[in-house]
N, C-alpha and C. Protein backbone atom coordinates (compact mmCIF):
# COMPACT_ATOMS: atom_id res chain seq x y z
N GLN A 1 6.23 7.48 -51.89
CA GLN A 1 5.43 6.87 -51.20
C GLN A 1 5.67 6.96 -49.75
N ASN A 2 7.32 6.88 -49.34
CA ASN A 2 8.10 6.90 -48.51
C ASN A 2 7.87 8.04 -47.76
N SER A 3 7.78 9.82 -48.60
CA SER A 3 7.69 10.76 -47.98
C SER A 3 6.44 11.27 -47.70
N ARG A 4 5.57 10.02 -47.76
CA ARG A 4 4.32 10.65 -47.59
C ARG A 4 4.22 9.98 -46.19
N MET A 5 4.62 9.36 -45.10
CA MET A 5 4.93 8.45 -44.21
C MET A 5 4.97 9.50 -42.46
N ILE A 6 4.23 9.49 -42.28
CA ILE A 6 3.81 10.18 -41.07
C ILE A 6 5.05 9.30 -39.61
N PHE A 7 6.09 10.69 -39.44
CA PHE A 7 7.04 9.80 -38.16
C PHE A 7 6.26 11.00 -36.97
N LEU A 8 5.65 10.18 -36.09
CA LEU A 8 5.37 10.43 -34.56
C LEU A 8 5.92 10.28 -33.45
N PRO A 9 6.10 11.34 -32.62
CA PRO A 9 6.86 10.41 -31.06
C PRO A 9 6.38 10.24 -30.06
N LEU A 10 6.61 8.68 -29.83
CA LEU A 10 6.31 7.66 -28.90
C LEU A 10 5.15 8.45 -27.80
N TYR A 11 5.15 9.46 -27.63
CA TYR A 11 4.14 9.86 -26.29
C TYR A 11 2.85 10.10 -27.39
N ALA A 12 3.07 10.50 -28.59
CA ALA A 12 2.11 10.76 -29.23
C ALA A 12 0.87 9.58 -29.16
N LEU A 13 1.85 8.41 -29.68
CA LEU A 13 0.97 7.34 -29.79
C LEU A 13 0.43 6.53 -28.96
N ILE A 14 1.56 6.71 -27.29
CA ILE A 14 0.27 5.73 -26.42
C ILE A 14 -0.57 7.16 -26.00
N GLY A 15 -0.98 8.50 -25.85
CA GLY A 15 -2.42 9.29 -26.10
C GLY A 15 -2.99 8.77 -26.82
N LEU A 16 -2.54 7.94 -28.25
CA LEU A 16 -3.76 7.30 -29.19
C LEU A 16 -3.82 6.13 -28.70
N PHE A 17 -3.69 5.58 -27.84
CA PHE A 17 -3.75 3.99 -26.88
C PHE A 17 -5.44 3.83 -26.94
N PHE A 18 -6.25 4.91 -26.59
CA PHE A 18 -7.32 4.95 -25.88
C PHE A 18 -8.10 4.42 -27.36
N PHE A 19 -8.19 4.81 -28.11
CA PHE A 19 -8.51 4.29 -29.68
C PHE A 19 -8.39 3.04 -30.13
N THR A 20 -6.76 2.82 -29.93
CA THR A 20 -6.63 2.06 -30.82
C THR A 20 -5.95 -0.03 -30.07
N PHE A 21 -6.56 0.44 -28.55
CA PHE A 21 -6.34 -0.83 -27.63
C PHE A 21 -6.92 -1.85 -28.90
N PRO A 22 -7.81 -2.63 -28.92
CA PRO A 22 -7.58 -4.06 -29.19
C PRO A 22 -6.44 -4.32 -29.89
N HIS A 23 -6.38 -3.43 -31.47
CA HIS A 23 -6.03 -3.31 -32.27
C HIS A 23 -4.37 -3.86 -32.04
N TYR A 24 -3.86 -3.44 -31.45
CA TYR A 24 -2.14 -3.60 -31.39
C TYR A 24 -1.98 -4.35 -30.19
N LEU A 25 -2.92 -4.83 -29.45
CA LEU A 25 -2.10 -5.82 -28.36
C LEU A 25 -1.63 -7.29 -28.23
N SER A 26 -0.27 -7.47 -28.13
CA SER A 26 0.19 -8.40 -28.85
C SER A 26 -0.29 -9.98 -29.12
N PRO A 27 -1.15 -10.90 -29.55
CA PRO A 27 -1.76 -12.24 -29.57
C PRO A 27 -0.92 -12.77 -28.83
N SER A 28 0.21 -12.97 -28.07
CA SER A 28 1.11 -14.06 -27.58
C SER A 28 1.22 -13.10 -26.20
N ALA A 29 0.56 -11.94 -26.12
CA ALA A 29 1.28 -11.89 -24.49
C ALA A 29 0.54 -12.57 -23.65
N SER A 30 1.74 -12.28 -22.55
CA SER A 30 1.37 -13.71 -21.99
C SER A 30 0.17 -12.67 -20.37
N LEU A 31 -0.44 -11.90 -20.59
CA LEU A 31 -0.40 -10.74 -19.29
C LEU A 31 -2.03 -11.50 -19.85
N GLU A 32 -2.32 -12.19 -20.87
CA GLU A 32 -4.18 -12.18 -20.94
C GLU A 32 -4.61 -13.06 -20.01
N PRO A 33 -5.67 -13.47 -19.44
CA PRO A 33 -6.14 -13.95 -19.46
C PRO A 33 -6.46 -15.55 -19.77
N LYS A 34 -5.57 -16.84 -18.35
CA LYS A 34 -5.46 -18.09 -19.00
C LYS A 34 -6.67 -19.20 -19.58
N ASP A 35 -7.17 -18.62 -18.50
CA ASP A 35 -8.75 -19.25 -18.73
C ASP A 35 -9.92 -18.60 -19.18
N LYS A 36 -10.45 -19.43 -20.15
CA LYS A 36 -11.02 -18.94 -21.55
C LYS A 36 -12.84 -18.07 -20.55
N LYS A 37 -12.87 -18.33 -19.46
CA LYS A 37 -13.94 -17.78 -18.78
C LYS A 37 -13.36 -16.31 -18.13
N GLU A 38 -12.05 -16.39 -17.65
CA GLU A 38 -12.52 -14.95 -17.64
C GLU A 38 -12.80 -13.96 -18.37
N LYS A 39 -12.90 -13.08 -18.29
CA LYS A 39 -13.29 -11.83 -19.00
C LYS A 39 -11.96 -11.52 -19.68
N LYS A 40 -11.13 -10.89 -20.75
CA LYS A 40 -10.50 -9.76 -20.78
C LYS A 40 -9.92 -8.48 -20.48
N PRO A 41 -9.11 -8.27 -20.22
CA PRO A 41 -8.91 -7.28 -19.08
C PRO A 41 -9.39 -5.77 -20.55
N THR A 42 -9.67 -5.00 -19.48
CA THR A 42 -10.16 -3.93 -20.62
C THR A 42 -8.58 -2.81 -20.70
N GLN A 43 -8.44 -2.09 -21.07
CA GLN A 43 -7.38 -1.13 -22.13
C GLN A 43 -6.37 -1.17 -21.19
N ALA A 44 -7.44 -0.46 -19.35
CA ALA A 44 -6.97 0.01 -18.39
C ALA A 44 -6.11 -0.98 -17.77
N GLU A 45 -7.00 -2.12 -17.72
CA GLU A 45 -6.02 -3.40 -16.88
C GLU A 45 -4.98 -3.91 -17.18
N TYR A 46 -5.18 -3.94 -18.36
CA TYR A 46 -4.20 -4.76 -19.74
C TYR A 46 -2.63 -2.99 -19.02
N MET A 47 -3.09 -2.37 -19.26
CA MET A 47 -1.50 -1.92 -18.99
C MET A 47 -1.12 -1.26 -17.43
N GLN A 48 -2.15 -1.57 -16.52
CA GLN A 48 -1.54 -2.28 -15.38
C GLN A 48 -0.77 -3.55 -15.10
N ARG A 49 -1.78 -4.47 -15.62
CA ARG A 49 -1.02 -5.67 -15.35
C ARG A 49 0.48 -5.41 -16.38
N LEU A 50 1.04 -4.53 -17.39
CA LEU A 50 2.06 -4.22 -18.17
C LEU A 50 3.19 -3.71 -16.64
N TRP A 51 2.48 -2.98 -16.12
CA TRP A 51 2.84 -2.20 -15.22
C TRP A 51 3.90 -2.88 -14.01
N ARG A 52 3.09 -3.39 -13.76
CA ARG A 52 3.13 -4.20 -12.39
C ARG A 52 4.61 -5.56 -12.92
N ARG A 53 4.06 -6.09 -14.30
CA ARG A 53 5.33 -6.70 -14.18
C ARG A 53 6.46 -6.47 -14.40
N TYR A 54 6.52 -5.08 -15.38
CA TYR A 54 7.96 -4.45 -14.76
C TYR A 54 8.76 -4.07 -14.05
N GLU A 55 7.35 -3.86 -12.63
CA GLU A 55 8.05 -3.07 -11.49
C GLU A 55 8.58 -4.37 -10.89
N ALA A 56 8.22 -5.68 -11.20
CA ALA A 56 8.97 -6.82 -10.46
C ALA A 56 9.90 -7.38 -11.25
N GLU A 57 10.09 -6.76 -12.22
CA GLU A 57 11.05 -7.66 -12.96
C GLU A 57 12.45 -5.91 -13.29
N HIS A 58 11.78 -5.25 -12.54
CA HIS A 58 12.88 -3.94 -12.49
C HIS A 58 13.07 -3.44 -11.39
N ASP A 59 13.08 -4.41 -9.58
CA ASP A 59 13.47 -4.03 -8.69
C ASP A 59 12.39 -3.17 -7.97
N HIS A 60 11.27 -3.03 -8.45
CA HIS A 60 10.04 -1.45 -7.80
C HIS A 60 10.65 -0.23 -7.95
N LEU A 61 11.85 -0.34 -8.63
CA LEU A 61 12.21 1.38 -8.88
C LEU A 61 11.37 1.80 -9.81
N PRO A 62 10.86 3.15 -9.21
CA PRO A 62 10.11 4.22 -9.97
C PRO A 62 11.18 5.04 -11.40
N THR A 63 10.00 4.57 -12.32
CA THR A 63 10.54 4.69 -13.34
C THR A 63 9.43 5.76 -14.66
N SER A 64 9.63 5.73 -16.18
CA SER A 64 8.66 6.79 -16.55
C SER A 64 7.81 5.86 -17.02
N ALA A 65 6.66 6.21 -18.29
CA ALA A 65 5.67 5.34 -18.75
C ALA A 65 6.23 4.85 -20.06
N ARG A 66 6.84 5.80 -20.80
CA ARG A 66 8.18 5.72 -21.69
C ARG A 66 8.62 4.41 -21.72
N GLU A 67 9.78 4.32 -20.51
CA GLU A 67 11.07 3.06 -19.96
C GLU A 67 9.84 1.98 -20.21
N VAL A 68 8.31 1.81 -19.53
CA VAL A 68 7.37 0.95 -19.54
C VAL A 68 7.39 0.23 -20.43
N VAL A 69 6.65 1.49 -21.64
CA VAL A 69 6.06 1.00 -23.01
C VAL A 69 7.35 0.30 -24.24
N GLU A 70 8.35 1.44 -24.22
CA GLU A 70 9.58 0.78 -24.48
C GLU A 70 10.22 -0.80 -23.91
N TRP A 71 10.01 -1.49 -23.30
CA TRP A 71 9.56 -2.86 -22.20
C TRP A 71 9.22 -3.35 -23.49
N ALA A 72 7.64 -2.63 -23.43
CA ALA A 72 6.50 -4.13 -23.51
C ALA A 72 6.94 -3.97 -24.68
N VAL A 73 6.93 -2.79 -25.60
CA VAL A 73 6.99 -3.12 -27.47
C VAL A 73 8.34 -4.38 -27.46
N LYS A 74 9.71 -3.91 -26.85
CA LYS A 74 10.85 -5.07 -27.38
C LYS A 74 10.42 -6.41 -26.87
N ASN A 75 9.29 -5.96 -25.43
CA ASN A 75 9.04 -7.84 -25.40
C ASN A 75 7.46 -8.51 -25.73
N ARG A 76 7.11 -7.40 -26.83
CA ARG A 76 6.10 -8.42 -28.32
C ARG A 76 4.83 -8.72 -26.72
N LEU A 77 4.71 -7.49 -25.86
CA LEU A 77 3.07 -7.60 -25.10
C LEU A 77 2.71 -6.29 -25.37
N LEU A 78 3.35 -5.56 -26.19
CA LEU A 78 2.67 -4.57 -27.21
C LEU A 78 2.90 -4.41 -28.52
N GLY A 79 2.11 -4.17 -29.40
CA GLY A 79 2.48 -3.48 -30.82
C GLY A 79 2.37 -2.05 -30.83
N MET A 80 2.68 -1.82 -31.90
CA MET A 80 2.74 -0.33 -32.21
C MET A 80 1.26 0.00 -32.77
N PRO A 81 0.29 1.13 -32.44
CA PRO A 81 -1.06 1.62 -32.54
C PRO A 81 -0.96 1.83 -34.16
N ALA A 82 -2.06 1.67 -34.63
CA ALA A 82 -2.16 2.18 -36.60
C ALA A 82 -2.81 4.01 -35.86
N VAL A 83 -2.06 4.68 -36.48
CA VAL A 83 -2.51 5.97 -36.06
C VAL A 83 -3.32 7.21 -36.86
N ASP A 84 -4.19 7.58 -36.41
CA ASP A 84 -4.58 8.66 -36.99
C ASP A 84 -4.42 10.08 -37.12
N PRO A 85 -4.18 10.37 -37.77
CA PRO A 85 -3.09 11.55 -38.06
C PRO A 85 -3.85 12.72 -37.18
N LEU A 86 -5.60 13.16 -37.61
CA LEU A 86 -6.19 13.92 -37.39
C LEU A 86 -6.48 13.91 -35.78
N ASP A 87 -6.23 12.66 -34.87
CA ASP A 87 -5.97 12.87 -33.65
C ASP A 87 -5.44 13.26 -32.65
N ILE A 88 -4.20 12.97 -33.63
CA ILE A 88 -2.59 13.78 -33.25
C ILE A 88 -2.97 15.19 -33.30
N LEU A 89 -3.14 15.84 -34.76
CA LEU A 89 -3.54 17.36 -34.82
C LEU A 89 -4.65 17.96 -33.78
N ALA A 90 -5.72 16.96 -33.16
CA ALA A 90 -6.80 17.67 -32.19
C ALA A 90 -6.44 17.48 -31.30
N GLY A 91 -5.59 16.73 -31.02
CA GLY A 91 -4.59 17.06 -28.90
C GLY A 91 -3.71 17.45 -29.55
N GLN A 92 -3.27 18.36 -30.03
CA GLN A 92 -1.42 18.87 -30.21
C GLN A 92 -2.52 20.67 -30.23
N LEU A 93 -4.58 20.58 -30.91
CA LEU A 93 -5.15 21.68 -30.58
C LEU A 93 -5.48 21.96 -29.43
N ALA A 94 -5.81 21.42 -28.60
CA ALA A 94 -6.37 20.84 -27.33
C ALA A 94 -5.09 21.54 -26.46
N ARG A 95 -3.80 20.72 -26.87
CA ARG A 95 -2.93 21.62 -25.41
C ARG A 95 -2.48 23.16 -25.75
N ALA A 96 -2.91 23.19 -27.35
CA ALA A 96 -2.31 24.61 -27.68
C ALA A 96 -3.34 25.58 -27.18
N LEU A 97 -5.01 25.17 -26.72
CA LEU A 97 -5.76 25.60 -26.82
C LEU A 97 -5.72 26.11 -25.04
N ARG A 98 -5.44 25.25 -24.44
CA ARG A 98 -5.18 24.93 -22.72
C ARG A 98 -4.61 25.57 -21.96
N GLU A 99 -2.97 25.62 -22.78
CA GLU A 99 -2.14 26.54 -22.79
C GLU A 99 -1.75 28.29 -22.77
N GLU A 100 -2.51 28.80 -23.99
CA GLU A 100 -3.05 30.02 -23.95
C GLU A 100 -3.89 30.64 -22.81
N TYR A 101 -2.70 31.98 -22.40
CA TYR A 101 -3.05 32.86 -21.56
C TYR A 101 -2.83 34.35 -22.15
N ASP A 102 -4.02 35.39 -21.10
CA ASP A 102 -4.29 36.28 -21.63
C ASP A 102 -3.69 37.02 -20.13
N THR A 103 -3.46 38.52 -20.45
CA THR A 103 -3.96 39.55 -19.02
C THR A 103 -4.64 40.33 -19.05
N ASP A 104 -5.44 40.59 -18.28
CA ASP A 104 -6.86 41.74 -18.19
C ASP A 104 -5.91 42.75 -18.15
N GLU A 105 -6.94 43.94 -17.91
CA GLU A 105 -6.93 45.20 -17.86
C GLU A 105 -6.13 45.90 -16.27
N GLN A 106 -6.61 44.82 -15.67
CA GLN A 106 -5.61 44.63 -13.76
C GLN A 106 -4.57 43.79 -13.87
N GLY A 107 -4.45 43.57 -14.51
CA GLY A 107 -2.91 42.84 -14.31
C GLY A 107 -3.17 41.16 -14.29
N LYS A 108 -4.40 40.92 -14.57
CA LYS A 108 -4.62 39.36 -13.78
C LYS A 108 -4.68 38.13 -14.86
N LYS A 109 -3.36 37.64 -14.81
CA LYS A 109 -3.53 36.14 -16.19
C LYS A 109 -4.47 35.29 -15.80
N TYR A 110 -4.87 35.15 -16.97
CA TYR A 110 -6.23 34.18 -16.80
C TYR A 110 -6.17 33.18 -18.30
N ARG A 111 -6.73 32.40 -17.88
CA ARG A 111 -6.47 31.11 -19.33
C ARG A 111 -7.76 31.65 -20.29
N LYS A 112 -7.25 31.92 -21.81
CA LYS A 112 -8.37 32.21 -22.98
C LYS A 112 -9.24 31.26 -22.95
N ASN A 113 -9.30 30.25 -23.22
CA ASN A 113 -9.79 29.10 -23.36
C ASN A 113 -10.63 27.88 -22.76
N HIS A 114 -11.20 27.63 -22.98
CA HIS A 114 -11.93 26.30 -21.48
C HIS A 114 -12.50 26.29 -22.01
N ALA A 115 -12.52 24.37 -21.61
CA ALA A 115 -13.48 23.24 -21.90
C ALA A 115 -14.73 22.67 -21.43
N VAL A 116 -15.66 21.93 -21.91
CA VAL A 116 -16.33 21.66 -21.03
C VAL A 116 -16.66 19.81 -22.10
N ARG A 117 -16.72 19.12 -21.28
CA ARG A 117 -16.93 17.77 -21.17
C ARG A 117 -18.40 17.63 -21.40
N VAL A 118 -19.01 16.74 -22.90
CA VAL A 118 -20.38 16.62 -23.24
C VAL A 118 -20.75 15.10 -23.80
N MET A 119 -21.47 14.65 -23.65
CA MET A 119 -22.05 13.30 -24.35
C MET A 119 -22.84 13.22 -25.72
N LYS A 120 -22.15 13.23 -26.72
CA LYS A 120 -23.24 13.51 -27.75
C LYS A 120 -22.99 12.30 -28.80
N ASP A 121 -24.61 11.40 -28.58
CA ASP A 121 -24.88 9.91 -28.95
C ASP A 121 -24.37 9.29 -28.76
N GLY A 122 -23.77 9.04 -27.30
CA GLY A 122 -23.25 8.27 -26.71
C GLY A 122 -21.86 8.15 -26.62
N VAL A 123 -21.13 9.56 -27.31
CA VAL A 123 -19.76 9.96 -26.82
C VAL A 123 -19.08 10.58 -26.25
N GLN A 124 -18.20 11.02 -25.62
CA GLN A 124 -17.91 11.71 -24.80
C GLN A 124 -17.12 12.71 -25.79
N LEU A 125 -17.08 14.03 -25.97
CA LEU A 125 -17.21 15.11 -26.68
C LEU A 125 -16.49 16.22 -26.15
N THR A 126 -14.67 16.91 -26.28
CA THR A 126 -14.53 18.26 -25.48
C THR A 126 -15.02 18.80 -26.52
N LEU A 127 -15.70 20.10 -25.62
CA LEU A 127 -15.96 21.29 -26.81
C LEU A 127 -15.47 22.41 -25.64
N TRP A 128 -15.00 23.39 -27.36
CA TRP A 128 -13.96 24.61 -26.48
C TRP A 128 -14.59 26.10 -26.71
N GLY A 129 -14.77 26.77 -26.16
CA GLY A 129 -15.01 28.49 -25.83
C GLY A 129 -14.16 28.87 -25.30
N SER A 130 -13.57 29.96 -26.29
CA SER A 130 -12.48 31.05 -25.57
C SER A 130 -13.74 32.04 -24.83
N MET A 131 -13.26 32.66 -24.04
CA MET A 131 -13.97 33.29 -22.88
C MET A 131 -14.38 34.32 -22.98
N GLU A 132 -13.80 34.87 -24.36
CA GLU A 132 -14.55 36.34 -24.52
C GLU A 132 -15.84 35.91 -25.95
N HIS A 133 -15.70 34.94 -26.03
CA HIS A 133 -16.86 34.93 -27.08
C HIS A 133 -17.70 33.67 -26.25
N ALA A 134 -17.35 32.62 -25.45
CA ALA A 134 -18.24 31.56 -25.37
C ALA A 134 -19.75 31.78 -24.70
N PRO A 135 -20.77 31.80 -24.78
CA PRO A 135 -22.24 31.52 -24.15
C PRO A 135 -22.03 31.32 -22.32
N ARG A 136 -22.75 32.71 -21.64
CA ARG A 136 -22.18 32.17 -20.39
C ARG A 136 -22.41 30.83 -19.36
N LEU A 137 -23.11 29.64 -20.17
CA LEU A 137 -23.71 28.63 -19.86
C LEU A 137 -22.43 27.61 -19.81
N HIS A 138 -21.83 27.90 -20.81
CA HIS A 138 -20.28 26.61 -21.59
C HIS A 138 -19.56 27.23 -20.58
N MET A 139 -19.56 28.66 -20.12
CA MET A 139 -18.16 29.00 -19.06
C MET A 139 -18.69 28.61 -17.63
N ALA A 140 -20.09 28.43 -17.32
CA ALA A 140 -20.49 27.82 -15.56
C ALA A 140 -20.34 26.28 -15.85
N LYS A 141 -20.62 25.29 -16.61
CA LYS A 141 -20.19 24.75 -16.72
C LYS A 141 -18.90 24.20 -17.03
N ALA A 142 -17.71 25.03 -17.79
CA ALA A 142 -16.44 24.45 -17.36
C ALA A 142 -15.50 25.27 -16.60
N PHE A 143 -16.23 26.11 -15.34
CA PHE A 143 -16.02 26.18 -14.48
C PHE A 143 -16.15 25.24 -12.61
N SER A 144 -17.13 24.63 -13.14
CA SER A 144 -18.17 23.56 -12.40
C SER A 144 -17.64 22.16 -12.31
N GLN A 145 -17.53 22.47 -13.97
CA GLN A 145 -16.30 21.20 -14.18
C GLN A 145 -14.89 20.86 -13.87
N ARG A 146 -14.20 21.97 -13.73
CA ARG A 146 -12.36 22.37 -13.12
C ARG A 146 -13.00 22.05 -11.45
N ARG A 147 -14.40 22.77 -11.09
CA ARG A 147 -14.05 22.50 -9.87
C ARG A 147 -13.79 21.02 -9.00
N GLU A 148 -15.13 20.17 -10.10
CA GLU A 148 -15.38 19.15 -10.03
C GLU A 148 -14.10 18.25 -9.68
N GLN A 149 -13.10 18.50 -10.71
CA GLN A 149 -11.99 18.07 -10.86
C GLN A 149 -11.03 18.14 -9.92
N VAL A 150 -11.18 19.07 -9.20
CA VAL A 150 -9.49 19.78 -8.67
C VAL A 150 -10.35 18.93 -6.81
N ILE A 151 -11.50 18.40 -6.65
CA ILE A 151 -12.47 17.87 -5.46
C ILE A 151 -12.36 16.36 -5.73
N GLY A 152 -12.08 16.27 -6.67
CA GLY A 152 -12.19 14.94 -6.76
C GLY A 152 -10.35 14.27 -6.94
N ASP A 153 -9.33 15.49 -7.36
CA ASP A 153 -8.09 15.34 -6.95
C ASP A 153 -7.73 14.97 -5.80
N CYS A 154 -8.25 16.04 -4.98
CA CYS A 154 -7.87 16.07 -3.86
C CYS A 154 -8.54 14.81 -2.65
N LEU A 155 -9.73 14.72 -2.90
CA LEU A 155 -10.59 13.56 -2.43
C LEU A 155 -9.29 12.34 -2.34
N GLN A 156 -9.02 12.10 -3.58
CA GLN A 156 -8.17 10.87 -3.81
C GLN A 156 -6.78 11.35 -3.34
N LEU A 157 -6.42 12.25 -3.17
CA LEU A 157 -5.10 12.55 -2.57
C LEU A 157 -4.92 12.19 -1.08
N GLN A 158 -6.55 12.55 -0.35
CA GLN A 158 -5.83 11.95 1.02
C GLN A 158 -5.57 11.36 1.49
N ILE A 159 -7.18 10.29 0.36
CA ILE A 159 -6.97 8.58 0.61
C ILE A 159 -5.83 8.41 0.42
N ASP A 160 -5.34 8.72 -0.93
CA ASP A 160 -3.99 7.74 -0.79
C ASP A 160 -2.60 8.11 -0.08
N VAL A 161 -2.76 9.33 0.84
CA VAL A 161 -1.78 9.61 1.71
C VAL A 161 -2.16 8.43 2.91
N GLU A 162 -3.47 8.61 3.61
CA GLU A 162 -4.03 7.50 4.15
C GLU A 162 -3.44 6.06 4.30
N VAL A 163 -4.18 6.14 2.70
CA VAL A 163 -3.11 4.54 2.47
C VAL A 163 -1.61 4.39 2.97
N TYR A 164 -0.76 5.37 2.09
CA TYR A 164 0.40 5.84 2.65
C TYR A 164 0.44 5.39 4.05
N ASN A 165 0.15 5.86 4.64
CA ASN A 165 0.50 6.07 6.05
C ASN A 165 0.57 4.74 7.03
N SER A 166 -0.32 4.19 6.96
CA SER A 166 -1.35 3.32 7.21
C SER A 166 -0.15 2.34 7.04
N LYS A 167 -0.01 2.16 5.49
CA LYS A 167 0.86 0.68 5.75
C LYS A 167 2.87 1.01 5.32
N ASN A 168 2.96 2.43 6.21
CA ASN A 168 3.93 2.02 6.58
C ASN A 168 4.13 2.73 8.30
N PRO A 169 3.98 2.25 8.91
CA PRO A 169 3.39 2.89 10.81
C PRO A 169 4.48 3.24 11.20
N LEU A 170 5.69 2.75 10.35
CA LEU A 170 6.82 2.99 11.34
C LEU A 170 7.54 4.39 10.86
N GLU A 171 7.17 4.21 9.66
CA GLU A 171 7.17 5.81 9.31
C GLU A 171 6.68 7.52 9.94
N LYS A 172 7.24 8.39 9.52
CA LYS A 172 6.12 9.39 10.07
C LYS A 172 5.52 9.56 9.79
N PRO A 173 4.45 9.96 10.06
CA PRO A 173 2.77 9.83 9.03
C PRO A 173 3.26 11.92 7.96
N ILE A 174 3.02 11.25 6.84
CA ILE A 174 2.64 12.86 5.83
C ILE A 174 1.83 13.08 6.34
N GLN A 175 1.70 14.72 6.56
CA GLN A 175 0.74 15.14 6.46
C GLN A 175 0.09 16.23 5.59
N MET A 176 -1.56 16.05 5.06
CA MET A 176 -2.03 16.86 3.99
C MET A 176 -2.61 17.68 4.70
N ILE A 177 -2.43 19.34 4.30
CA ILE A 177 -3.29 20.32 4.10
C ILE A 177 -4.48 20.81 3.07
N LEU A 178 -5.67 20.78 3.41
CA LEU A 178 -6.10 20.65 1.62
C LEU A 178 -7.02 21.83 1.59
N ASP A 179 -6.45 22.82 2.97
CA ASP A 179 -7.28 24.41 2.62
C ASP A 179 -6.09 25.30 1.91
N PHE A 180 -6.74 25.50 1.12
CA PHE A 180 -5.63 26.71 -0.04
C PHE A 180 -5.69 27.35 0.44
N THR A 181 -6.73 28.36 1.10
CA THR A 181 -6.93 29.73 1.25
C THR A 181 -5.68 30.71 1.15
N ASP A 182 -5.16 30.37 1.81
CA ASP A 182 -3.29 30.77 1.93
C ASP A 182 -2.81 31.08 1.36
N ASP A 183 -2.89 29.69 0.26
CA ASP A 183 -1.61 28.58 -0.73
C ASP A 183 -2.47 30.41 -1.78
N VAL A 184 -3.43 30.27 -1.67
CA VAL A 184 -4.23 31.15 -3.32
C VAL A 184 -3.52 31.80 -2.67
N ALA A 185 -4.23 32.73 -1.78
CA ALA A 185 -4.18 33.82 -1.53
C ALA A 185 -2.40 34.17 -1.79
N GLU A 186 -1.46 33.62 -0.93
CA GLU A 186 0.47 33.83 -1.40
C GLU A 186 0.61 34.10 -2.74
N ARG A 187 -0.19 33.26 -3.65
CA ARG A 187 0.09 33.01 -5.44
C ARG A 187 -0.92 33.97 -5.91
N ARG A 188 -1.78 34.37 -5.30
CA ARG A 188 -2.60 36.35 -6.18
C ARG A 188 -0.82 37.46 -5.47
N ALA A 189 -0.68 36.92 -4.20
CA ALA A 189 0.46 38.53 -4.21
C ALA A 189 1.69 38.32 -4.98
N SER A 190 2.06 37.20 -5.31
CA SER A 190 3.36 37.69 -5.77
C SER A 190 3.31 37.69 -7.92
């Protein structure tokens, strides 16, 4: 039976955290609320508390997520999650689909597979379609969702830069240009 054991890299286990959060929080975790009236933290809130504690104990130096979770597991603040091998394989397939490119007759490199996020029975699903075969509606939704993601990323980037600059008034302000017209033209030309 030992030969049937599945060994997975830690990053894959972290990716499954969203599916198994309640099952592997250490019951003795000191980051849990002390007051019974205070609600239990969400998965994201708990991880953020782990990050803050790690930062405080390590001189606030930049570090990787892996180092933080290794520290948390070692200190019994996280337990290892139960792993569904199908979730691992589905994640690997999604990454492979996202990374598949082709070149058209004019020499333009394009992404072959496109994802659309949908809700079905209260559960968010990601549906994949290939550019050559997916219906126009699927492709229009995929492009629209990607555009919305870019806008959201740009908005958050601008806010983050503004806040950083306001928290560091003695430093030269970081300037961020969000008009990508020239950048896109340069990359298309190369």
